[in-house]
Each structure stands twice: as C-alpha cells, then as structure tokens.
C-alpha atoms as a PDB file:
ATOM      1  CA  MET A   1      36.197 219.878 -83.162  1.00  0.00           C
ATOM      2  CA  VAL A   2      38.953 219.741 -80.547  1.00  0.00           C
ATOM      3  CA  GLY A   3      41.244 217.908 -82.956  1.00  0.00           C
ATOM      4  CA  GLU A   4      40.507 220.374 -85.739  1.00  0.00           C
ATOM      5  CA  LEU A   5      41.292 223.363 -83.511  1.00  0.00           C
ATOM      6  CA  ALA A   6      44.461 221.670 -82.271  1.00  0.00           C
ATOM      7  CA  ARG A   7      45.665 221.170 -85.851  1.00  0.00           C
ATOM      8  CA  GLN A   8      44.854 224.752 -86.827  1.00  0.00           C
ATOM      9  CA  THR A   9      46.596 226.254 -83.808  1.00  0.00           C
ATOM     10  CA  GLY A  10      49.546 223.868 -83.617  1.00  0.00           C
ATOM     11  CA  ARG A  11      48.610 222.708 -80.134  1.00  0.00           C
ATOM     12  CA  THR A  12      47.740 219.296 -78.774  1.00  0.00           C
ATOM     13  CA  GLU A  13      44.136 218.372 -78.043  1.00  0.00           C
ATOM     14  CA  GLU A  14      44.984 218.382 -74.338  1.00  0.00           C
ATOM     15  CA  GLN A  15      46.336 221.936 -74.603  1.00  0.00           C
ATOM     16  CA  VAL A  16      43.167 223.081 -76.363  1.00  0.00           C
ATOM     17  CA  ILE A  17      40.974 221.527 -73.676  1.00  0.00           C
ATOM     18  CA  GLU A  18      43.104 222.965 -70.854  1.00  0.00           C
ATOM     19  CA  SER A  19      42.985 226.390 -72.484  1.00  0.00           C
ATOM     20  CA  ILE A  20      39.199 226.360 -72.614  1.00  0.00           C
ATOM     21  CA  ILE A  21      38.805 225.056 -69.070  1.00  0.00           C
ATOM     22  CA  GLU A  22      41.435 227.234 -67.397  1.00  0.00           C
ATOM     23  CA  GLY A  23      41.060 230.322 -69.551  1.00  0.00           C
ATOM     24  CA  TYR A  24      37.293 230.506 -69.735  1.00  0.00           C
ATOM     25  CA  LEU A  25      35.170 227.945 -67.893  1.00  0.00           C
ATOM     26  CA  MET A  26      36.829 228.334 -64.492  1.00  0.00           C
ATOM     27  CA  ARG A  27      36.216 232.084 -64.683  1.00  0.00           C
ATOM     28  CA  GLN A  28      32.571 231.521 -65.589  1.00  0.00           C
ATOM     29  CA  LEU A  29      31.893 228.823 -63.011  1.00  0.00           C
ATOM     30  CA  ARG A  30      30.094 231.061 -60.492  1.00  0.00           C
ATOM     31  CA  ILE A  31      27.807 232.407 -63.197  1.00  0.00           C
ATOM     32  CA  ILE A  32      27.126 228.898 -64.480  1.00  0.00           C
ATOM     33  CA  GLU A  33      26.384 227.670 -60.944  1.00  0.00           C
ATOM     34  CA  LYS A  34      23.963 230.561 -60.445  1.00  0.00           C
ATOM     35  CA  ARG A  35      22.231 229.782 -63.740  1.00  0.00           C
ATOM     36  CA  SER A  36      22.013 226.130 -62.724  1.00  0.00           C
ATOM     37  CA  ALA A  37      20.285 227.077 -59.488  1.00  0.00           C
ATOM     38  CA  GLU A  38      17.888 229.387 -61.337  1.00  0.00           C
ATOM     39  CA  THR A  39      16.962 226.944 -64.092  1.00  0.00           C
ATOM     40  CA  GLY A  40      17.337 223.572 -62.396  1.00  0.00           C
ATOM     41  CA  THR A  41      19.724 222.487 -65.159  1.00  0.00           C
ATOM     42  CA  PRO A  42      22.665 220.450 -63.842  1.00  0.00           C
ATOM     43  CA  VAL A  43      25.941 222.402 -63.697  1.00  0.00           C
ATOM     44  CA  ASN A  44      27.659 219.720 -65.771  1.00  0.00           C
ATOM     45  CA  ASP A  45      25.123 220.152 -68.582  1.00  0.00           C
ATOM     46  CA  LEU A  46      25.647 223.916 -68.622  1.00  0.00           C
ATOM     47  CA  LEU A  47      29.431 223.463 -68.561  1.00  0.00           C
ATOM     48  CA  ASN A  48      29.221 221.093 -71.521  1.00  0.00           C
ATOM     49  CA  VAL A  49      27.115 223.560 -73.509  1.00  0.00           C
ATOM     50  CA  GLN A  50      29.461 226.427 -72.692  1.00  0.00           C
ATOM     51  CA  PHE A  51      32.531 224.321 -73.539  1.00  0.00           C
ATOM     52  CA  GLU A  52      31.046 223.578 -76.956  1.00  0.00           C
ATOM     53  CA  ARG A  53      30.191 227.237 -77.563  1.00  0.00           C
ATOM     54  CA  LEU A  54      33.692 228.336 -76.628  1.00  0.00           C
ATOM     55  CA  LEU A  55      35.212 225.648 -78.819  1.00  0.00           C
ATOM     56  CA  GLU A  56      33.069 226.763 -81.764  1.00  0.00           C
ATOM     57  CA  LEU A  57      34.069 230.393 -81.174  1.00  0.00           C
ATOM     58  CA  MET A  58      37.767 229.559 -80.981  1.00  0.00           C
ATOM     59  CA  LEU A  59      37.502 227.408 -84.103  1.00  0.00           C
ATOM     60  CA  SER A  60      35.768 230.174 -86.050  1.00  0.00           C
ATOM     61  CA  GLN A  61      38.458 232.637 -84.944  1.00  0.00           C
ATOM     62  CA  ALA A  62      41.209 230.229 -85.988  1.00  0.00           C
ATOM     63  CA  GLN A  63      39.542 229.969 -89.402  1.00  0.00           C
ATOM     64  CA  GLY A  64      39.602 233.739 -89.796  1.00  0.00           C
ATOM     65  CA  ASN A  65      36.015 234.523 -88.800  1.00  0.00           C
ATOM     66  CA  PRO A  66      36.525 236.800 -85.771  1.00  0.00           C
ATOM     67  CA  GLY A  67      32.787 237.321 -85.272  1.00  0.00           C
ATOM     68  CA  GLY A  68      31.919 233.702 -84.588  1.00  0.00           C
ATOM     69  CA  ASN A  69      29.039 232.833 -82.327  1.00  0.00           C
ATOM     70  CA  ASN A  70      28.549 234.614 -79.058  1.00  0.00           C
ATOM     71  CA  PRO A  71      29.824 232.261 -76.333  1.00  0.00           C
ATOM     72  CA  GLY A  72      27.371 233.695 -73.806  1.00  0.00           C
ATOM     73  CA  CYS A  73      25.769 231.483 -71.214  1.00  0.00           C
ATOM     74  CA  SER A  74      22.186 231.905 -72.383  1.00  0.00           C
ATOM     75  CA  ASN A  75      20.034 229.164 -73.863  1.00  0.00           C
END
C-alpha cells in the first residue's frame, strides 16, 4: 500500500512513511500509550494498526474517496 500511495502522490515510499509518522502517529502517541495501558496491548501493535488505518485513509483520499475509513484508534 505504501508503494501505491507513493505512486499516486508522486512521493517516495520513505516520504509517505515519514508523513504518516511525523504528521499523525507522533501526535497520537500519548493517546496510543494510554490505550495500551488500558487494554494491555503493546504500544507497537497499536501503532502498527493505526499506521495501517492512516495509510488506508490516505490511499482512499488519493483515489478520490474523501470519506475513507475513520482512522480512529478504536478496535
């Protein structure tokens, strides 16, 4: 999915990954850490799930579907 989004947006895969990490995940880290403590789910697992959700959302927006899936942190 990263490669597909990179092609659609004219960015490199590294730029796509950096955008998701710096633009979204770093801002959500405290919430994700809190959820990890509440659920016992490792932070890394929650980060991976959220990364995938954000990637899917960005991909759907790049394809012209602005609704996409909600990238919320709930399971």
